[in-house]
C-alpha atoms as a PDB file:
ATOM      1  CA  MET A   1      21.700   7.696  -6.771  1.00  0.00           C
ATOM      2  CA  GLU A   2      20.756   4.334  -5.694  1.00  0.00           C
ATOM      3  CA  ILE A   3      19.026   2.758  -9.015  1.00  0.00           C
ATOM      4  CA  LYS A   4      15.838   1.738  -6.552  1.00  0.00           C
ATOM      5  CA  GLN A   5      15.059   5.810  -6.237  1.00  0.00           C
ATOM      6  CA  LEU A   6      14.696   5.663  -9.685  1.00  0.00           C
ATOM      7  CA  PHE A   7      11.455   3.837  -9.721  1.00  0.00           C
ATOM      8  CA  SER A   8       8.147   4.638  -8.081  1.00  0.00           C
ATOM      9  CA  GLN A   9       8.181   4.954  -3.928  1.00  0.00           C
ATOM     10  CA  THR A  10       4.124   4.176  -3.751  1.00  0.00           C
ATOM     11  CA  ARG A  11       5.316   0.225  -5.032  1.00  0.00           C
ATOM     12  CA  ASP A  12       7.478  -2.134  -3.357  1.00  0.00           C
ATOM     13  CA  ILE A  13      10.503  -3.011  -6.011  1.00  0.00           C
ATOM     14  CA  TYR A  14      11.067  -6.157  -3.805  1.00  0.00           C
ATOM     15  CA  ARG A  15       7.977  -7.988  -4.527  1.00  0.00           C
ATOM     16  CA  PRO A  16       7.425 -10.676  -6.812  1.00  0.00           C
ATOM     17  CA  ILE A  17       6.546  -9.730 -10.357  1.00  0.00           C
ATOM     18  CA  GLU A  18       5.161 -12.480 -12.373  1.00  0.00           C
ATOM     19  CA  LYS A  19       6.486 -12.895 -16.197  1.00  0.00           C
ATOM     20  CA  VAL A  20       2.754 -13.437 -17.694  1.00  0.00           C
ATOM     21  CA  ILE A  21      -0.863 -12.717 -17.182  1.00  0.00           C
ATOM     22  CA  THR A  22      -2.096 -15.927 -16.648  1.00  0.00           C
ATOM     23  CA  TYR A  23      -6.031 -16.060 -16.742  1.00  0.00           C
ATOM     24  CA  SER A  24      -5.602 -18.952 -13.343  1.00  0.00           C
ATOM     25  CA  ALA A  25      -4.628 -15.667 -11.555  1.00  0.00           C
ATOM     26  CA  ASP A  26      -7.990 -14.607 -10.056  1.00  0.00           C
ATOM     27  CA  GLN A  27      -7.114 -14.461  -6.603  1.00  0.00           C
ATOM     28  CA  GLU A  28      -8.696 -10.858  -5.305  1.00  0.00           C
ATOM     29  CA  SER A  29      -5.108  -9.645  -3.627  1.00  0.00           C
ATOM     30  CA  ARG A  30      -3.525 -10.336  -7.466  1.00  0.00           C
ATOM     31  CA  LEU A  31      -6.296  -8.835  -9.559  1.00  0.00           C
ATOM     32  CA  LYS A  32      -5.949  -5.677  -7.141  1.00  0.00           C
ATOM     33  CA  SER A  33      -2.204  -5.279  -7.659  1.00  0.00           C
ATOM     34  CA  GLU A  34      -2.529  -6.447 -11.409  1.00  0.00           C
ATOM     35  CA  ILE A  35      -5.109  -3.614 -12.141  1.00  0.00           C
ATOM     36  CA  ALA A  36      -3.593  -1.463 -10.393  1.00  0.00           C
ATOM     37  CA  GLU A  37      -0.456  -1.534 -12.510  1.00  0.00           C
ATOM     38  CA  TYR A  38      -1.971  -1.708 -15.610  1.00  0.00           C
ATOM     39  CA  ILE A  39      -0.863   0.596 -17.965  1.00  0.00           C
ATOM     40  CA  VAL A  40      -2.673   1.590 -20.874  1.00  0.00           C
ATOM     41  CA  THR A  41      -1.058   3.310 -23.509  1.00  0.00           C
ATOM     42  CA  ASP A  42      -2.523   5.301 -26.389  1.00  0.00           C
ATOM     43  CA  SER A  43      -2.789   2.292 -28.467  1.00  0.00           C
ATOM     44  CA  ILE A  44      -4.354  -0.209 -26.032  1.00  0.00           C
ATOM     45  CA  GLU A  45      -6.932   2.486 -25.554  1.00  0.00           C
ATOM     46  CA  GLU A  46      -8.249   2.895 -29.049  1.00  0.00           C
ATOM     47  CA  ALA A  47      -7.898  -1.294 -29.015  1.00  0.00           C
ATOM     48  CA  PHE A  48     -10.690  -0.998 -26.589  1.00  0.00           C
ATOM     49  CA  GLN A  49     -12.447   2.118 -27.813  1.00  0.00           C
ATOM     50  CA  ASP A  50     -12.665  -0.109 -31.474  1.00  0.00           C
ATOM     51  CA  LEU A  51     -13.777  -2.882 -29.999  1.00  0.00           C
ATOM     52  CA  LEU A  52     -16.065  -2.116 -27.461  1.00  0.00           C
ATOM     53  CA  ARG A  53     -17.876   0.225 -30.126  1.00  0.00           C
ATOM     54  CA  LYS A  54     -18.092  -3.094 -32.596  1.00  0.00           C
ATOM     55  CA  MET A  55     -19.688  -4.890 -29.673  1.00  0.00           C
ATOM     56  CA  GLN A  56     -22.360  -1.995 -28.961  1.00  0.00           C
ATOM     57  CA  TRP A  57     -22.807  -1.711 -32.412  1.00  0.00           C
ATOM     58  CA  SER A  58     -23.635  -5.425 -33.018  1.00  0.00           C
ATOM     59  CA  MET A  59     -25.923  -5.647 -30.106  1.00  0.00           C
ATOM     60  CA  GLU A  60     -28.377  -2.737 -30.758  1.00  0.00           C
ATOM     61  CA  ALA A  61     -28.650  -4.104 -34.314  1.00  0.00           C
ATOM     62  CA  GLY A  62     -29.228  -7.679 -32.667  1.00  0.00           C
ATOM     63  CA  ASP A  63     -26.277  -9.230 -34.962  1.00  0.00           C
ATOM     64  CA  VAL A  64     -24.637 -10.950 -32.786  1.00  0.00           C
ATOM     65  CA  ASN A  65     -23.835 -14.370 -33.719  1.00  0.00           C
ATOM     66  CA  GLU A  66     -20.913 -16.265 -34.358  1.00  0.00           C
ATOM     67  CA  ILE A  67     -18.716 -13.012 -34.106  1.00  0.00           C
ATOM     68  CA  GLY A  68     -15.151 -13.746 -33.711  1.00  0.00           C
ATOM     69  CA  VAL A  69     -12.597 -11.442 -32.427  1.00  0.00           C
ATOM     70  CA  TRP A  70      -8.904 -12.641 -32.981  1.00  0.00           C
ATOM     71  CA  VAL A  71      -6.391 -10.426 -30.734  1.00  0.00           C
ATOM     72  CA  SER A  72      -2.988 -10.615 -32.237  1.00  0.00           C
ATOM     73  CA  GLY A  73       0.327  -8.862 -30.913  1.00  0.00           C
ATOM     74  CA  PHE A  74       3.835  -9.903 -30.512  1.00  0.00           C
ATOM     75  CA  TYR A  75       4.729 -11.820 -27.704  1.00  0.00           C
ATOM     76  CA  GLY A  76       4.490  -9.387 -23.977  1.00  0.00           C
ATOM     77  CA  SER A  77       2.326  -6.977 -25.751  1.00  0.00           C
ATOM     78  CA  GLY A  78      -0.489  -7.104 -23.227  1.00  0.00           C
ATOM     79  CA  LYS A  79      -2.493  -9.817 -25.051  1.00  0.00           C
ATOM     80  CA  SER A  80      -3.885 -11.523 -21.978  1.00  0.00           C
ATOM     81  CA  SER A  81      -4.129  -8.595 -20.178  1.00  0.00           C
ATOM     82  CA  PHE A  82      -6.503  -7.365 -23.173  1.00  0.00           C
ATOM     83  CA  THR A  83      -8.664  -9.707 -22.554  1.00  0.00           C
ATOM     84  CA  LYS A  84      -8.350 -10.911 -19.617  1.00  0.00           C
ATOM     85  CA  TYR A  85      -9.383  -7.295 -18.045  1.00  0.00           C
ATOM     86  CA  LEU A  86     -12.090  -6.871 -20.514  1.00  0.00           C
ATOM     87  CA  GLY A  87     -13.099 -10.148 -19.488  1.00  0.00           C
ATOM     88  CA  LEU A  88     -13.487  -9.923 -16.048  1.00  0.00           C
ATOM     89  CA  ALA A  89     -14.835  -5.907 -16.211  1.00  0.00           C
ATOM     90  CA  LEU A  90     -18.037  -7.648 -18.489  1.00  0.00           C
ATOM     91  CA  ASP A  91     -18.288  -9.954 -15.937  1.00  0.00           C
ATOM     92  CA  GLN A  92     -20.443  -8.909 -13.142  1.00  0.00           C
ATOM     93  CA  ARG A  93     -19.655 -11.586 -10.357  1.00  0.00           C
ATOM     94  CA  VAL A  94     -16.042 -10.473 -10.178  1.00  0.00           C
ATOM     95  CA  LYS A  95     -15.542  -7.674  -7.625  1.00  0.00           C
ATOM     96  CA  ILE A  96     -12.226  -6.874  -5.517  1.00  0.00           C
ATOM     97  CA  GLU A  97     -12.872  -5.625  -1.769  1.00  0.00           C
ATOM     98  CA  ASN A  98     -17.213  -5.466  -2.907  1.00  0.00           C
ATOM     99  CA  THR A  99     -16.167  -3.451  -6.044  1.00  0.00           C
ATOM    100  CA  PRO A 100     -16.863  -4.403  -9.550  1.00  0.00           C
ATOM    101  CA  PHE A 101     -14.215  -5.197 -11.400  1.00  0.00           C
ATOM    102  CA  LEU A 102     -15.209  -3.151 -14.165  1.00  0.00           C
ATOM    103  CA  ASP A 103     -14.575   0.152 -11.999  1.00  0.00           C
ATOM    104  CA  TYR A 104     -10.891  -0.841 -11.546  1.00  0.00           C
ATOM    105  CA  LEU A 105     -10.283  -1.278 -15.318  1.00  0.00           C
ATOM    106  CA  GLN A 106     -12.504   2.154 -15.679  1.00  0.00           C
ATOM    107  CA  GLY A 107      -9.815   3.571 -13.422  1.00  0.00           C
ATOM    108  CA  ARG A 108      -7.091   2.627 -15.539  1.00  0.00           C
ATOM    109  CA  MET A 109      -8.830   4.157 -19.058  1.00  0.00           C
ATOM    110  CA  ASN A 110      -7.505   7.911 -19.762  1.00  0.00           C
ATOM    111  CA  LYS A 111     -10.333   8.882 -21.801  1.00  0.00           C
ATOM    112  CA  PRO A 112     -13.941   9.813 -20.933  1.00  0.00           C
ATOM    113  CA  GLN A 113     -15.365   8.480 -23.965  1.00  0.00           C
ATOM    114  CA  THR A 114     -13.791   4.427 -23.319  1.00  0.00           C
ATOM    115  CA  ARG A 115     -15.061   4.378 -19.572  1.00  0.00           C
ATOM    116  CA  ALA A 116     -18.091   5.704 -20.843  1.00  0.00           C
ATOM    117  CA  LEU A 117     -18.360   3.139 -23.416  1.00  0.00           C
ATOM    118  CA  LEU A 118     -17.317   0.262 -21.535  1.00  0.00           C
ATOM    119  CA  SER A 119     -19.925   1.131 -18.552  1.00  0.00           C
ATOM    120  CA  THR A 120     -22.601   1.027 -21.445  1.00  0.00           C
ATOM    121  CA  LEU A 121     -21.946  -2.104 -22.715  1.00  0.00           C
ATOM    122  CA  ALA A 122     -21.648  -3.892 -19.187  1.00  0.00           C
ATOM    123  CA  LYS A 123     -24.855  -2.327 -17.732  1.00  0.00           C
ATOM    124  CA  LYS A 124     -27.235  -2.328 -21.243  1.00  0.00           C
ATOM    125  CA  TYR A 125     -26.184  -5.597 -21.844  1.00  0.00           C
ATOM    126  CA  PRO A 126     -25.357  -8.189 -19.682  1.00  0.00           C
ATOM    127  CA  VAL A 127     -22.967 -11.203 -20.287  1.00  0.00           C
ATOM    128  CA  ALA A 128     -22.187 -14.427 -19.208  1.00  0.00           C
ATOM    129  CA  VAL A 129     -18.205 -15.060 -19.461  1.00  0.00           C
ATOM    130  CA  VAL A 130     -16.676 -17.977 -19.864  1.00  0.00           C
ATOM    131  CA  MET A 131     -12.382 -17.543 -19.900  1.00  0.00           C
ATOM    132  CA  LEU A 132     -10.850 -20.211 -20.990  1.00  0.00           C
ATOM    133  CA  ASP A 133      -6.498 -20.508 -20.874  1.00  0.00           C
ATOM    134  CA  LEU A 134      -5.740 -23.197 -23.184  1.00  0.00           C
ATOM    135  CA  ALA A 135      -2.225 -22.948 -21.796  1.00  0.00           C
ATOM    136  CA  SER A 136      -2.762 -24.722 -18.479  1.00  0.00           C
ATOM    137  CA  GLU A 137      -6.329 -26.418 -19.167  1.00  0.00           C
ATOM    138  CA  MET A 138      -5.666 -28.880 -21.341  1.00  0.00           C
ATOM    139  CA  LEU A 139      -7.462 -31.829 -20.851  1.00  0.00           C
ATOM    140  CA  SER A 140      -5.469 -34.196 -18.434  1.00  0.00           C
ATOM    141  CA  GLY A 141      -4.539 -36.970 -20.567  1.00  0.00           C
ATOM    142  CA  ALA A 142      -5.710 -35.843 -23.816  1.00  0.00           C
ATOM    143  CA  THR A 143      -3.705 -34.966 -26.621  1.00  0.00           C
ATOM    144  CA  LYS A 144      -4.237 -31.949 -28.584  1.00  0.00           C
ATOM    145  CA  LYS A 145      -8.214 -32.471 -28.373  1.00  0.00           C
ATOM    146  CA  GLU A 146     -10.041 -29.997 -30.510  1.00  0.00           C
ATOM    147  CA  VAL A 147     -10.566 -26.566 -29.147  1.00  0.00           C
ATOM    148  CA  SER A 148     -13.940 -27.346 -28.632  1.00  0.00           C
ATOM    149  CA  THR A 149     -14.136 -30.197 -26.694  1.00  0.00           C
ATOM    150  CA  VAL A 150     -11.802 -28.372 -24.088  1.00  0.00           C
ATOM    151  CA  LEU A 151     -14.069 -25.257 -24.257  1.00  0.00           C
ATOM    152  CA  TYR A 152     -17.094 -28.056 -23.636  1.00  0.00           C
ATOM    153  CA  TYR A 153     -15.603 -29.230 -20.157  1.00  0.00           C
ATOM    154  CA  LYS A 154     -14.965 -25.673 -19.478  1.00  0.00           C
ATOM    155  CA  VAL A 155     -18.492 -24.772 -19.372  1.00  0.00           C
ATOM    156  CA  LEU A 156     -19.352 -27.922 -17.426  1.00  0.00           C
ATOM    157  CA  GLN A 157     -17.074 -26.364 -14.978  1.00  0.00           C
ATOM    158  CA  GLU A 158     -18.647 -23.342 -15.048  1.00  0.00           C
ATOM    159  CA  ALA A 159     -21.926 -24.409 -14.652  1.00  0.00           C
ATOM    160  CA  GLY A 160     -21.543 -26.429 -11.595  1.00  0.00           C
ATOM    161  CA  PHE A 161     -21.537 -29.617 -13.452  1.00  0.00           C
ATOM    162  CA  SER A 162     -19.408 -33.248 -13.400  1.00  0.00           C
ATOM    163  CA  GLN A 163     -17.004 -33.366 -16.160  1.00  0.00           C
ATOM    164  CA  ASN A 164     -18.251 -36.614 -16.246  1.00  0.00           C
ATOM    165  CA  LEU A 165     -20.147 -36.230 -19.432  1.00  0.00           C
ATOM    166  CA  LYS A 166     -23.078 -38.792 -18.534  1.00  0.00           C
ATOM    167  CA  VAL A 167     -23.480 -37.268 -14.833  1.00  0.00           C
ATOM    168  CA  ALA A 168     -23.365 -34.224 -16.318  1.00  0.00           C
ATOM    169  CA  ALA A 169     -26.469 -35.086 -18.296  1.00  0.00           C
ATOM    170  CA  LEU A 170     -28.235 -36.491 -15.290  1.00  0.00           C
ATOM    171  CA  GLU A 171     -27.379 -33.375 -13.354  1.00  0.00           C
ATOM    172  CA  ARG A 172     -28.769 -31.266 -16.108  1.00  0.00           C
ATOM    173  CA  LYS A 173     -31.891 -33.633 -15.970  1.00  0.00           C
ATOM    174  CA  LEU A 174     -32.380 -32.990 -12.699  1.00  0.00           C
ATOM    175  CA  ARG A 175     -32.220 -29.504 -12.998  1.00  0.00           C
ATOM    176  CA  GLU A 176     -34.738 -29.083 -15.525  1.00  0.00           C
ATOM    177  CA  ASP A 177     -36.899 -31.213 -13.371  1.00  0.00           C
ATOM    178  CA  GLY A 178     -36.630 -29.009 -10.509  1.00  0.00           C
ATOM    179  CA  LEU A 179     -34.734 -32.288  -8.362  1.00  0.00           C
ATOM    180  CA  TYR A 180     -31.638 -31.103  -8.824  1.00  0.00           C
ATOM    181  CA  GLU A 181     -31.603 -29.579  -4.947  1.00  0.00           C
ATOM    182  CA  ARG A 182     -33.360 -32.995  -3.407  1.00  0.00           C
ATOM    183  CA  PHE A 183     -30.108 -35.004  -5.560  1.00  0.00           C
ATOM    184  CA  LYS A 184     -27.543 -32.928  -3.807  1.00  0.00           C
ATOM    185  CA  GLN A 185     -29.216 -33.469  -0.604  1.00  0.00           C
ATOM    186  CA  ARG A 186     -29.652 -37.342  -1.067  1.00  0.00           C
ATOM    187  CA  ILE A 187     -25.572 -37.071  -1.887  1.00  0.00           C
ATOM    188  CA  LYS A 188     -25.013 -35.556   1.243  1.00  0.00           C
ATOM    189  CA  GLU A 189     -26.934 -38.103   3.245  1.00  0.00           C
ATOM    190  CA  GLU A 190     -24.936 -40.770   1.469  1.00  0.00           C
ATOM    191  CA  ILE A 191     -21.409 -40.314   2.021  1.00  0.00           C
ATOM    192  CA  GLU A 192     -21.456 -36.885   4.371  1.00  0.00           C
ATOM    193  CA  MET A 193     -20.004 -34.822   2.072  1.00  0.00           C
ATOM    194  CA  PRO A 194     -21.462 -32.107  -0.314  1.00  0.00           C
ATOM    195  CA  TRP A 195     -21.913 -32.987  -3.837  1.00  0.00           C
ATOM    196  CA  GLU A 196     -19.612 -30.199  -5.502  1.00  0.00           C
ATOM    197  CA  LYS A 197     -16.668 -32.190  -3.465  1.00  0.00           C
ATOM    198  CA  VAL A 198     -17.092 -35.833  -5.330  1.00  0.00           C
ATOM    199  CA  GLN A 199     -19.020 -34.962  -8.309  1.00  0.00           C
ATOM    200  CA  ASN A 200     -15.560 -35.800 -10.612  1.00  0.00           C
ATOM    201  CA  ASP A 201     -14.467 -38.599  -8.206  1.00  0.00           C
ATOM    202  CA  PRO A 202     -14.860 -41.559 -10.268  1.00  0.00           C
ATOM    203  CA  LEU A 203     -15.297 -43.962  -7.418  1.00  0.00           C
ATOM    204  CA  ILE A 204     -17.985 -41.946  -5.501  1.00  0.00           C
ATOM    205  CA  ILE A 205     -19.828 -41.298  -8.720  1.00  0.00           C
ATOM    206  CA  ASP A 206     -19.567 -44.653 -10.067  1.00  0.00           C
ATOM    207  CA  SER A 207     -20.838 -46.772  -6.509  1.00  0.00           C
ATOM    208  CA  LEU A 208     -23.623 -43.623  -5.613  1.00  0.00           C
ATOM    209  CA  ILE A 209     -25.017 -42.439  -9.361  1.00  0.00           C
ATOM    210  CA  PRO A 210     -26.494 -45.585 -10.802  1.00  0.00           C
ATOM    211  CA  GLU A 211     -28.562 -46.360  -7.915  1.00  0.00           C
ATOM    212  CA  LEU A 212     -29.898 -42.690  -7.509  1.00  0.00           C
ATOM    213  CA  ALA A 213     -30.182 -42.273 -11.216  1.00  0.00           C
ATOM    214  CA  HIS A 214     -33.003 -45.107 -10.717  1.00  0.00           C
ATOM    215  CA  GLU A 215     -34.642 -43.581  -7.396  1.00  0.00           C
ATOM    216  CA  PHE A 216     -35.104 -40.557  -9.248  1.00  0.00           C
ATOM    217  CA  PHE A 217     -36.007 -41.392 -12.863  1.00  0.00           C
ATOM    218  CA  PRO A 218     -37.381 -45.026 -12.674  1.00  0.00           C
ATOM    219  CA  ASN A 219     -39.361 -44.938 -15.959  1.00  0.00           C
ATOM    220  CA  LEU A 220     -35.715 -43.967 -17.334  1.00  0.00           C
ATOM    221  CA  PHE A 221     -33.237 -46.505 -15.288  1.00  0.00           C
ATOM    222  CA  LYS A 222     -35.273 -49.727 -14.601  1.00  0.00           C
ATOM    223  CA  THR A 223     -33.220 -50.894 -11.951  1.00  0.00           C
ATOM    224  CA  PRO A 224     -30.593 -49.938  -9.166  1.00  0.00           C
ATOM    225  CA  THR A 225     -27.840 -50.605 -12.275  1.00  0.00           C
ATOM    226  CA  SER A 226     -29.331 -49.884 -15.437  1.00  0.00           C
ATOM    227  CA  PHE A 227     -27.186 -45.723 -15.332  1.00  0.00           C
ATOM    228  CA  THR A 228     -23.612 -46.078 -16.237  1.00  0.00           C
ATOM    229  CA  THR A 229     -21.160 -43.352 -15.960  1.00  0.00           C
ATOM    230  CA  ASN A 230     -18.967 -44.804 -18.580  1.00  0.00           C
ATOM    231  CA  VAL A 231     -18.710 -42.851 -21.512  1.00  0.00           C
ATOM    232  CA  SER A 232     -18.760 -43.828 -25.264  1.00  0.00           C
ATOM    233  CA  GLU A 233     -18.288 -42.620 -27.883  1.00  0.00           C
ATOM    234  CA  PHE A 234     -20.930 -40.604 -29.953  1.00  0.00           C
ATOM    235  CA  VAL A 235     -21.667 -38.727 -32.779  1.00  0.00           C
ATOM    236  CA  LYS A 236     -22.659 -34.949 -32.667  1.00  0.00           C
ATOM    237  CA  PHE A 237     -22.099 -32.075 -34.715  1.00  0.00           C
ATOM    238  CA  GLU A 238     -20.369 -28.957 -33.970  1.00  0.00           C
ATOM    239  CA  ASN A 239     -23.382 -26.656 -34.169  1.00  0.00           C
ATOM    240  CA  GLU A 240     -25.277 -28.981 -32.165  1.00  0.00           C
ATOM    241  CA  ARG A 241     -22.671 -28.971 -29.240  1.00  0.00           C
ATOM    242  CA  VAL A 242     -22.363 -25.368 -29.577  1.00  0.00           C
ATOM    243  CA  ALA A 243     -26.415 -24.888 -29.113  1.00  0.00           C
ATOM    244  CA  GLU A 244     -26.094 -27.184 -26.274  1.00  0.00           C
ATOM    245  CA  MET A 245     -22.696 -24.785 -24.797  1.00  0.00           C
ATOM    246  CA  LEU A 246     -25.068 -21.847 -25.228  1.00  0.00           C
ATOM    247  CA  ASN A 247     -28.042 -23.340 -23.338  1.00  0.00           C
ATOM    248  CA  ILE A 248     -26.300 -24.662 -20.192  1.00  0.00           C
ATOM    249  CA  ILE A 249     -24.487 -21.261 -19.904  1.00  0.00           C
ATOM    250  CA  ARG A 250     -27.830 -19.629 -20.272  1.00  0.00           C
ATOM    251  CA  ASP A 251     -29.488 -21.557 -18.189  1.00  0.00           C
ATOM    252  CA  ALA A 252     -26.969 -21.889 -15.217  1.00  0.00           C
ATOM    253  CA  THR A 253     -26.410 -17.338 -15.519  1.00  0.00           C
ATOM    254  CA  GLY A 254     -29.995 -16.422 -16.571  1.00  0.00           C
ATOM    255  CA  LYS A 255     -27.906 -14.040 -19.023  1.00  0.00           C
ATOM    256  CA  ASP A 256     -29.089 -14.122 -23.124  1.00  0.00           C
ATOM    257  CA  TYR A 257     -25.398 -12.711 -24.178  1.00  0.00           C
ATOM    258  CA  VAL A 258     -22.548 -15.240 -23.679  1.00  0.00           C
ATOM    259  CA  ILE A 259     -18.868 -14.634 -24.578  1.00  0.00           C
ATOM    260  CA  PHE A 260     -15.850 -16.856 -24.810  1.00  0.00           C
ATOM    261  CA  ILE A 261     -12.719 -15.419 -24.351  1.00  0.00           C
ATOM    262  CA  ILE A 262      -9.678 -18.114 -25.288  1.00  0.00           C
ATOM    263  CA  ASP A 263      -6.370 -17.538 -24.421  1.00  0.00           C
ATOM    264  CA  GLU A 264      -3.144 -18.966 -25.772  1.00  0.00           C
ATOM    265  CA  LEU A 265      -5.312 -20.418 -29.066  1.00  0.00           C
ATOM    266  CA  GLY A 266      -2.563 -19.728 -31.219  1.00  0.00           C
ATOM    267  CA  GLN A 267      -0.025 -21.166 -29.647  1.00  0.00           C
ATOM    268  CA  TYR A 268      -2.235 -23.976 -29.078  1.00  0.00           C
ATOM    269  CA  VAL A 269      -3.445 -25.053 -32.798  1.00  0.00           C
ATOM    270  CA  ALA A 270      -0.031 -23.982 -34.389  1.00  0.00           C
ATOM    271  CA  SER A 271       1.694 -27.285 -34.043  1.00  0.00           C
ATOM    272  CA  LEU A 272      -1.542 -29.087 -35.573  1.00  0.00           C
ATOM    273  CA  PRO A 273      -3.231 -27.168 -38.520  1.00  0.00           C
ATOM    274  CA  ASP A 274      -5.948 -30.027 -38.441  1.00  0.00           C
ATOM    275  CA  LEU A 275      -7.088 -27.738 -35.183  1.00  0.00           C
ATOM    276  CA  ILE A 276      -7.626 -24.254 -36.404  1.00  0.00           C
ATOM    277  CA  LEU A 277     -10.975 -24.807 -38.296  1.00  0.00           C
ATOM    278  CA  ASN A 278     -12.705 -27.127 -35.045  1.00  0.00           C
END
């Protein structure tokens, strides 16, 4: 007998196998392969049931503010896969071959009670999901920024805004006033490129945005050079920033409930204890 005969004949043993599960691996083919090979052990299913029951109870009671869940375990115990697949299942946008990811995760569960809990929670309480992998999405050029800062930039990205804070504030104002689509059309008229392709390009936003800010809000920006994309430091309390993040996500998705899922948090804060409280 050859060693390869000991393995399942339905799976290619010569295929590339990733050593870790990451949030950034979100291509449809990759997700399909990952979830098809996800083994839900008894202890993992118990953890799913416990978390889903508590989430359901909290949402039914209307007592869901500031609830945090810490997923702990040894290296390779399945923390990243647990959080990744739960987040993707609750995110109604995520599909594989037009089938909701929720259905795929349900198919890996062993007990009908777990499948029912997952389905009930997802359908009764639709949520906006923001997933952040601190191992791969640290801010370029920034040494260990606060988790809330990295998360804030992730929220801007998820909502489709520029990662320049001044430009993002302008975008939010344009959206609130119903001018955002017209603004994007003006960008396309100026440079023949969609706004989404250039909104983080410092050269383009420096040259175009001040004049357009004056064009759209002449009472706020009196001259074509009044608006500046330079971001100066200003004080903002964390509770204000959290409220702003929630508002941005709710406005972008139309969902009342927001779940933030953060991976590699322990590794990120381990070397700098001051980051833990933040």
